[in-house]
Amino acid sequence: MTAAEILRLNGNLRDSPMMEVVRRFHALIGSRELPYCVVGGMAVIRNGYPRTTTDVDILTFKDAWRKMLPLKGVISSEGIDSCVDSETGIKIHILFCDEDCRSLALKSQRRISPMRTNLSAETLRSSRRKSFRPMIML
């Protein structure tokens, strides 16, 4: 996907194709009383931070979501954890709070051993300055 296509998808949040996908998803799922929330890039954008995204991420409960499947129509399911909006081709990824959060919690409990390095503090600072790339606005 080109930068111009990503900008078109994100553009003005209110009128963007990404927000239209969220609205269609809400109309479809809201009528069935499935608890969910939008997470990921769309949530970051909605809260006022500059960000681009090419998909919509939804957090819900796995058992309740399974009862809704298969979805057919403008938004159709592509397996248990993804859907696609047929009007835009935008993917909707489904994350399960009763499963994904548990696995993240388990991962965070692992012991992380400190990294050993022979680099000096000045070398690290210098490489960090060199790797900084300002954001280019189109």
N, C-alpha and C. Protein backbone atom coordinates (compact mmCIF):
# COMPACT_ATOMS: atom_id res chain seq x y z
N MET A 1 0.84 -1.17 0.00
CA MET A 1 0.00 0.00 0.00
C MET A 1 0.90 1.24 0.00
N THR A 2 0.55 2.22 -0.82
CA THR A 2 1.37 3.42 -0.92
C THR A 2 1.01 4.40 0.21
N ALA A 3 1.90 5.37 0.41
CA ALA A 3 1.66 6.39 1.44
C ALA A 3 0.39 7.18 1.13
N ALA A 4 0.15 7.47 -0.14
CA ALA A 4 -1.05 8.22 -0.53
C ALA A 4 -2.32 7.42 -0.20
N GLU A 5 -2.28 6.11 -0.42
CA GLU A 5 -3.44 5.27 -0.10
C GLU A 5 -3.69 5.21 1.40
N ILE A 6 -2.62 5.13 2.19
CA ILE A 6 -2.77 5.11 3.65
C ILE A 6 -3.34 6.44 4.13
N LEU A 7 -2.86 7.56 3.56
CA LEU A 7 -3.37 8.87 3.93
C LEU A 7 -4.85 8.98 3.58
N ARG A 8 -5.26 8.45 2.42
CA ARG A 8 -6.67 8.49 2.02
C ARG A 8 -7.52 7.68 2.99
N LEU A 9 -7.02 6.52 3.43
CA LEU A 9 -7.76 5.70 4.38
C LEU A 9 -7.94 6.39 5.72
N ASN A 10 -6.92 7.11 6.18
CA ASN A 10 -6.95 7.72 7.51
C ASN A 10 -7.51 9.13 7.46
N GLY A 11 -6.95 9.98 6.60
CA GLY A 11 -7.45 11.34 6.39
C GLY A 11 -8.13 11.97 7.59
N ASN A 12 -9.24 12.64 7.33
CA ASN A 12 -10.06 13.23 8.38
C ASN A 12 -10.81 12.09 9.06
N LEU A 13 -10.58 11.89 10.34
CA LEU A 13 -11.14 10.73 11.05
C LEU A 13 -12.64 10.60 10.83
N ARG A 14 -13.35 11.69 10.94
CA ARG A 14 -14.81 11.64 10.84
C ARG A 14 -15.30 11.11 9.49
N ASP A 15 -14.60 11.48 8.42
CA ASP A 15 -15.04 11.12 7.07
C ASP A 15 -14.20 10.02 6.43
N SER A 16 -13.30 9.43 7.18
CA SER A 16 -12.37 8.46 6.58
C SER A 16 -13.04 7.11 6.34
N PRO A 17 -12.56 6.37 5.34
CA PRO A 17 -13.07 5.01 5.11
C PRO A 17 -12.87 4.11 6.34
N MET A 18 -11.80 4.35 7.10
CA MET A 18 -11.57 3.54 8.31
C MET A 18 -12.71 3.73 9.30
N MET A 19 -13.14 4.98 9.48
CA MET A 19 -14.22 5.25 10.43
C MET A 19 -15.54 4.69 9.92
N GLU A 20 -15.74 4.69 8.61
CA GLU A 20 -16.95 4.09 8.04
C GLU A 20 -17.00 2.59 8.34
N VAL A 21 -15.86 1.93 8.29
CA VAL A 21 -15.79 0.50 8.63
C VAL A 21 -16.17 0.30 10.09
N VAL A 22 -15.65 1.15 10.98
CA VAL A 22 -15.99 1.05 12.40
C VAL A 22 -17.50 1.26 12.59
N ARG A 23 -18.06 2.23 11.88
CA ARG A 23 -19.51 2.47 11.98
C ARG A 23 -20.32 1.28 11.50
N ARG A 24 -19.91 0.69 10.38
CA ARG A 24 -20.63 -0.49 9.87
C ARG A 24 -20.51 -1.66 10.85
N PHE A 25 -19.32 -1.85 11.40
CA PHE A 25 -19.13 -2.92 12.38
C PHE A 25 -20.03 -2.68 13.59
N HIS A 26 -20.08 -1.44 14.06
CA HIS A 26 -20.92 -1.11 15.22
C HIS A 26 -22.40 -1.38 14.92
N ALA A 27 -22.84 -1.00 13.73
CA ALA A 27 -24.24 -1.23 13.37
C ALA A 27 -24.56 -2.72 13.35
N LEU A 28 -23.64 -3.52 12.83
CA LEU A 28 -23.85 -4.97 12.74
C LEU A 28 -23.79 -5.63 14.12
N ILE A 29 -22.78 -5.32 14.88
CA ILE A 29 -22.54 -5.99 16.16
C ILE A 29 -23.35 -5.38 17.29
N GLY A 30 -23.51 -4.05 17.25
CA GLY A 30 -24.26 -3.37 18.30
C GLY A 30 -25.70 -3.87 18.40
N SER A 31 -26.28 -4.22 17.27
CA SER A 31 -27.66 -4.72 17.27
C SER A 31 -27.75 -6.10 17.92
N ARG A 32 -26.65 -6.78 18.04
CA ARG A 32 -26.64 -8.13 18.63
C ARG A 32 -26.14 -8.12 20.07
N GLU A 33 -25.90 -6.93 20.60
CA GLU A 33 -25.49 -6.74 21.99
C GLU A 33 -24.22 -7.50 22.38
N LEU A 34 -23.26 -7.52 21.47
CA LEU A 34 -21.96 -8.12 21.77
C LEU A 34 -21.07 -7.05 22.40
N PRO A 35 -20.54 -7.29 23.60
CA PRO A 35 -19.63 -6.29 24.18
C PRO A 35 -18.31 -6.29 23.42
N TYR A 36 -17.86 -5.10 23.03
CA TYR A 36 -16.60 -4.99 22.30
C TYR A 36 -16.05 -3.58 22.48
N CYS A 37 -14.79 -3.41 22.12
CA CYS A 37 -14.22 -2.07 22.04
C CYS A 37 -13.20 -2.05 20.91
N VAL A 38 -13.02 -0.86 20.36
CA VAL A 38 -12.04 -0.65 19.31
C VAL A 38 -10.70 -0.39 19.98
N VAL A 39 -9.67 -1.09 19.55
CA VAL A 39 -8.33 -0.92 20.10
C VAL A 39 -7.36 -0.68 18.95
N GLY A 40 -6.10 -0.59 19.23
CA GLY A 40 -5.08 -0.44 18.19
C GLY A 40 -5.04 0.96 17.61
N GLY A 41 -4.66 1.05 16.35
CA GLY A 41 -4.46 2.34 15.70
C GLY A 41 -5.67 3.24 15.70
N MET A 42 -6.86 2.70 15.46
CA MET A 42 -8.07 3.52 15.46
C MET A 42 -8.34 4.13 16.83
N ALA A 43 -8.08 3.39 17.89
CA ALA A 43 -8.26 3.93 19.24
C ALA A 43 -7.25 5.04 19.51
N VAL A 44 -6.03 4.86 19.05
CA VAL A 44 -4.99 5.88 19.23
C VAL A 44 -5.38 7.15 18.48
N ILE A 45 -5.82 7.01 17.23
CA ILE A 45 -6.24 8.15 16.41
C ILE A 45 -7.42 8.86 17.07
N ARG A 46 -8.39 8.09 17.52
CA ARG A 46 -9.60 8.65 18.14
C ARG A 46 -9.26 9.48 19.38
N ASN A 47 -8.19 9.11 20.06
CA ASN A 47 -7.79 9.84 21.26
C ASN A 47 -6.84 10.99 20.96
N GLY A 48 -6.70 11.33 19.68
CA GLY A 48 -6.00 12.56 19.32
C GLY A 48 -4.53 12.46 19.02
N TYR A 49 -4.00 11.26 18.89
CA TYR A 49 -2.58 11.13 18.60
C TYR A 49 -2.38 10.85 17.12
N PRO A 50 -1.36 11.44 16.50
CA PRO A 50 -1.12 11.19 15.07
C PRO A 50 -0.67 9.76 14.84
N ARG A 51 -1.35 9.09 13.99
CA ARG A 51 -1.04 7.68 13.72
C ARG A 51 -1.74 7.30 12.44
N THR A 52 -1.17 6.41 11.67
CA THR A 52 -1.87 5.86 10.52
C THR A 52 -2.06 4.38 10.75
N THR A 53 -3.06 3.83 10.12
CA THR A 53 -3.33 2.41 10.24
C THR A 53 -4.02 1.94 8.98
N THR A 54 -3.95 0.66 8.74
CA THR A 54 -4.60 0.10 7.55
C THR A 54 -5.63 -0.96 7.92
N ASP A 55 -5.92 -1.11 9.21
CA ASP A 55 -6.89 -2.10 9.65
C ASP A 55 -7.63 -1.61 10.89
N VAL A 56 -8.62 -2.37 11.30
CA VAL A 56 -9.37 -2.06 12.52
C VAL A 56 -9.19 -3.24 13.46
N ASP A 57 -8.87 -2.94 14.72
CA ASP A 57 -8.70 -3.99 15.73
C ASP A 57 -9.83 -3.89 16.74
N ILE A 58 -10.46 -5.03 17.00
CA ILE A 58 -11.60 -5.12 17.91
C ILE A 58 -11.26 -6.08 19.04
N LEU A 59 -11.60 -5.71 20.26
CA LEU A 59 -11.40 -6.57 21.43
C LEU A 59 -12.76 -7.01 21.95
N THR A 60 -12.96 -8.31 22.09
CA THR A 60 -14.24 -8.85 22.57
C THR A 60 -14.01 -10.20 23.25
N PHE A 61 -15.09 -10.87 23.61
CA PHE A 61 -15.01 -12.17 24.26
C PHE A 61 -15.17 -13.29 23.23
N LYS A 62 -14.33 -14.30 23.32
CA LYS A 62 -14.28 -15.35 22.31
C LYS A 62 -15.58 -16.14 22.20
N ASP A 63 -16.15 -16.59 23.31
CA ASP A 63 -17.37 -17.39 23.24
C ASP A 63 -18.53 -16.60 22.64
N ALA A 64 -18.68 -15.34 23.05
CA ALA A 64 -19.75 -14.51 22.51
C ALA A 64 -19.54 -14.25 21.02
N TRP A 65 -18.29 -14.04 20.62
CA TRP A 65 -17.98 -13.80 19.21
C TRP A 65 -18.29 -15.04 18.37
N ARG A 66 -17.91 -16.21 18.85
CA ARG A 66 -18.16 -17.45 18.10
C ARG A 66 -19.63 -17.66 17.80
N LYS A 67 -20.49 -17.23 18.73
CA LYS A 67 -21.94 -17.39 18.52
C LYS A 67 -22.44 -16.53 17.37
N MET A 68 -21.71 -15.49 17.01
CA MET A 68 -22.10 -14.57 15.93
C MET A 68 -21.70 -15.08 14.55
N LEU A 69 -20.76 -16.01 14.52
CA LEU A 69 -20.20 -16.46 13.24
C LEU A 69 -21.10 -17.49 12.57
N PRO A 70 -21.05 -17.60 11.26
CA PRO A 70 -20.29 -16.77 10.32
C PRO A 70 -21.03 -15.48 10.01
N LEU A 71 -20.26 -14.42 9.74
CA LEU A 71 -20.83 -13.15 9.31
C LEU A 71 -20.83 -13.10 7.80
N LYS A 72 -21.92 -12.65 7.23
CA LYS A 72 -22.01 -12.52 5.77
C LYS A 72 -22.62 -11.17 5.48
N GLY A 73 -22.23 -10.58 4.38
CA GLY A 73 -22.75 -9.27 4.00
C GLY A 73 -21.62 -8.30 3.77
N VAL A 74 -21.85 -7.02 4.06
CA VAL A 74 -20.82 -6.01 3.85
C VAL A 74 -19.59 -6.34 4.68
N ILE A 75 -19.83 -6.79 5.91
CA ILE A 75 -18.73 -7.28 6.75
C ILE A 75 -18.88 -8.79 6.85
N SER A 76 -17.88 -9.49 6.37
CA SER A 76 -17.96 -10.95 6.40
C SER A 76 -16.74 -11.52 7.12
N SER A 77 -16.98 -12.62 7.83
CA SER A 77 -15.91 -13.24 8.61
C SER A 77 -15.00 -14.04 7.69
N GLU A 78 -13.72 -14.07 8.07
CA GLU A 78 -12.69 -14.85 7.37
C GLU A 78 -11.99 -15.71 8.40
N GLY A 79 -12.72 -16.60 9.03
CA GLY A 79 -12.16 -17.38 10.12
C GLY A 79 -12.61 -16.80 11.44
N ILE A 80 -12.08 -17.34 12.52
CA ILE A 80 -12.57 -16.89 13.83
C ILE A 80 -12.04 -15.53 14.26
N ASP A 81 -10.87 -15.13 13.77
CA ASP A 81 -10.28 -13.90 14.29
C ASP A 81 -10.07 -12.79 13.27
N SER A 82 -10.80 -12.84 12.16
CA SER A 82 -10.70 -11.74 11.20
C SER A 82 -11.95 -11.62 10.34
N CYS A 83 -12.18 -10.41 9.91
CA CYS A 83 -13.30 -10.09 9.01
C CYS A 83 -12.75 -9.14 7.95
N VAL A 84 -13.56 -8.90 6.93
CA VAL A 84 -13.19 -7.92 5.92
C VAL A 84 -14.44 -7.12 5.55
N ASP A 85 -14.23 -5.83 5.34
CA ASP A 85 -15.30 -4.96 4.87
C ASP A 85 -15.26 -5.01 3.35
N SER A 86 -16.32 -5.52 2.73
CA SER A 86 -16.29 -5.74 1.28
C SER A 86 -16.31 -4.44 0.48
N GLU A 87 -16.80 -3.35 1.05
CA GLU A 87 -16.83 -2.09 0.31
C GLU A 87 -15.45 -1.45 0.19
N THR A 88 -14.60 -1.64 1.20
CA THR A 88 -13.28 -1.00 1.20
C THR A 88 -12.13 -1.98 1.12
N GLY A 89 -12.39 -3.25 1.47
CA GLY A 89 -11.31 -4.24 1.54
C GLY A 89 -10.51 -4.14 2.84
N ILE A 90 -10.95 -3.28 3.76
CA ILE A 90 -10.23 -3.09 5.02
C ILE A 90 -10.46 -4.29 5.92
N LYS A 91 -9.36 -4.80 6.49
CA LYS A 91 -9.42 -5.95 7.40
C LYS A 91 -9.83 -5.51 8.80
N ILE A 92 -10.56 -6.38 9.47
CA ILE A 92 -10.94 -6.17 10.86
C ILE A 92 -10.38 -7.36 11.62
N HIS A 93 -9.45 -7.09 12.53
CA HIS A 93 -8.84 -8.15 13.33
C HIS A 93 -9.56 -8.24 14.67
N ILE A 94 -9.91 -9.46 15.06
CA ILE A 94 -10.63 -9.68 16.31
C ILE A 94 -9.65 -10.24 17.34
N LEU A 95 -9.54 -9.56 18.46
CA LEU A 95 -8.70 -10.00 19.58
C LEU A 95 -9.62 -10.40 20.72
N PHE A 96 -9.24 -11.42 21.45
CA PHE A 96 -10.11 -11.94 22.50
C PHE A 96 -9.53 -11.60 23.87
N CYS A 97 -10.27 -10.80 24.64
CA CYS A 97 -9.75 -10.35 25.93
C CYS A 97 -9.68 -11.50 26.94
N ASP A 98 -10.49 -12.52 26.76
CA ASP A 98 -10.43 -13.64 27.69
C ASP A 98 -9.34 -14.63 27.33
N GLU A 99 -8.66 -14.40 26.23
CA GLU A 99 -7.60 -15.31 25.80
C GLU A 99 -6.29 -14.56 25.57
N ASP A 100 -6.31 -13.53 24.73
CA ASP A 100 -5.10 -12.80 24.38
C ASP A 100 -4.50 -12.10 25.59
N CYS A 101 -5.33 -11.50 26.44
CA CYS A 101 -4.80 -10.81 27.62
C CYS A 101 -4.16 -11.78 28.60
N ARG A 102 -4.74 -12.97 28.70
CA ARG A 102 -4.18 -13.98 29.60
C ARG A 102 -2.79 -14.38 29.11
N SER A 103 -2.63 -14.58 27.80
CA SER A 103 -1.32 -14.99 27.29
C SER A 103 -0.30 -13.86 27.43
N LEU A 104 -0.75 -12.59 27.27
CA LEU A 104 0.17 -11.47 27.47
C LEU A 104 0.61 -11.39 28.92
N ALA A 105 -0.30 -11.64 29.84
CA ALA A 105 0.04 -11.61 31.26
C ALA A 105 1.07 -12.69 31.59
N LEU A 106 0.89 -13.86 30.99
CA LEU A 106 1.85 -14.95 31.23
C LEU A 106 3.22 -14.60 30.67
N LYS A 107 3.25 -13.99 29.49
CA LYS A 107 4.52 -13.59 28.89
C LYS A 107 5.23 -12.55 29.74
N SER A 108 4.47 -11.63 30.33
CA SER A 108 5.09 -10.57 31.11
C SER A 108 5.66 -11.09 32.43
N GLN A 109 5.25 -12.27 32.85
CA GLN A 109 5.75 -12.83 34.10
C GLN A 109 7.10 -13.54 33.92
N ARG A 110 7.49 -13.78 32.66
CA ARG A 110 8.78 -14.42 32.42
C ARG A 110 9.92 -13.53 32.88
N ARG A 111 10.94 -14.16 33.39
CA ARG A 111 12.12 -13.39 33.81
C ARG A 111 12.91 -12.97 32.58
N ILE A 112 13.29 -11.73 32.57
CA ILE A 112 14.09 -11.21 31.47
C ILE A 112 15.48 -10.93 32.03
N SER A 113 16.48 -11.60 31.47
CA SER A 113 17.84 -11.39 31.95
C SER A 113 18.40 -10.12 31.31
N PRO A 114 19.20 -9.36 32.02
CA PRO A 114 19.74 -8.13 31.47
C PRO A 114 20.67 -8.41 30.29
N MET A 115 20.62 -7.54 29.30
CA MET A 115 21.46 -7.70 28.12
C MET A 115 22.87 -7.21 28.45
N ARG A 116 23.84 -7.99 28.08
CA ARG A 116 25.22 -7.58 28.29
C ARG A 116 25.77 -7.06 26.97
N THR A 117 26.47 -5.95 27.05
CA THR A 117 27.02 -5.36 25.84
C THR A 117 28.38 -4.74 26.13
N ASN A 118 29.19 -4.63 25.10
CA ASN A 118 30.50 -4.00 25.23
C ASN A 118 30.48 -2.58 24.68
N LEU A 119 29.30 -2.08 24.31
CA LEU A 119 29.19 -0.74 23.75
C LEU A 119 29.25 0.31 24.85
N SER A 120 29.92 1.41 24.55
CA SER A 120 29.96 2.51 25.52
C SER A 120 28.66 3.30 25.45
N ALA A 121 28.40 4.09 26.48
CA ALA A 121 27.20 4.92 26.51
C ALA A 121 27.22 5.92 25.35
N GLU A 122 28.38 6.47 25.01
CA GLU A 122 28.48 7.44 23.91
C GLU A 122 28.15 6.77 22.58
N THR A 123 28.59 5.55 22.36
CA THR A 123 28.28 4.83 21.12
C THR A 123 26.78 4.63 20.99
N LEU A 124 26.12 4.26 22.10
CA LEU A 124 24.67 4.06 22.08
C LEU A 124 23.95 5.37 21.78
N ARG A 125 24.37 6.48 22.41
CA ARG A 125 23.75 7.78 22.16
C ARG A 125 23.93 8.19 20.70
N SER A 126 25.11 7.98 20.17
CA SER A 126 25.41 8.36 18.80
C SER A 126 24.56 7.56 17.81
N SER A 127 24.44 6.26 18.03
CA SER A 127 23.64 5.43 17.11
C SER A 127 22.16 5.79 17.20
N ARG A 128 21.71 6.21 18.37
CA ARG A 128 20.31 6.62 18.52
C ARG A 128 20.06 7.91 17.73
N ARG A 129 20.99 8.87 17.80
CA ARG A 129 20.82 10.11 17.05
C ARG A 129 20.80 9.83 15.55
N LYS A 130 21.64 8.93 15.09
CA LYS A 130 21.72 8.62 13.66
C LYS A 130 20.47 7.90 13.16
N SER A 131 19.81 7.14 14.03
CA SER A 131 18.65 6.37 13.58
C SER A 131 17.36 7.17 13.62
N PHE A 132 17.38 8.37 14.20
CA PHE A 132 16.17 9.20 14.26
C PHE A 132 15.80 9.67 12.88
N ARG A 133 14.55 9.44 12.48
CA ARG A 133 14.07 9.90 11.18
C ARG A 133 12.81 10.71 11.41
N PRO A 134 12.81 11.99 11.05
CA PRO A 134 11.60 12.79 11.27
C PRO A 134 10.46 12.28 10.37
N MET A 135 9.22 12.47 10.83
CA MET A 135 8.05 12.03 10.07
C MET A 135 7.86 12.97 8.89
N ILE A 136 7.63 12.42 7.73
CA ILE A 136 7.42 13.22 6.52
C ILE A 136 5.92 13.32 6.28
N MET A 137 5.42 14.53 6.20
CA MET A 137 4.00 14.74 5.95
C MET A 137 3.76 14.83 4.45
N LEU A 138 2.75 14.15 3.96
CA LEU A 138 2.42 14.20 2.53
C LEU A 138 1.44 15.30 2.24
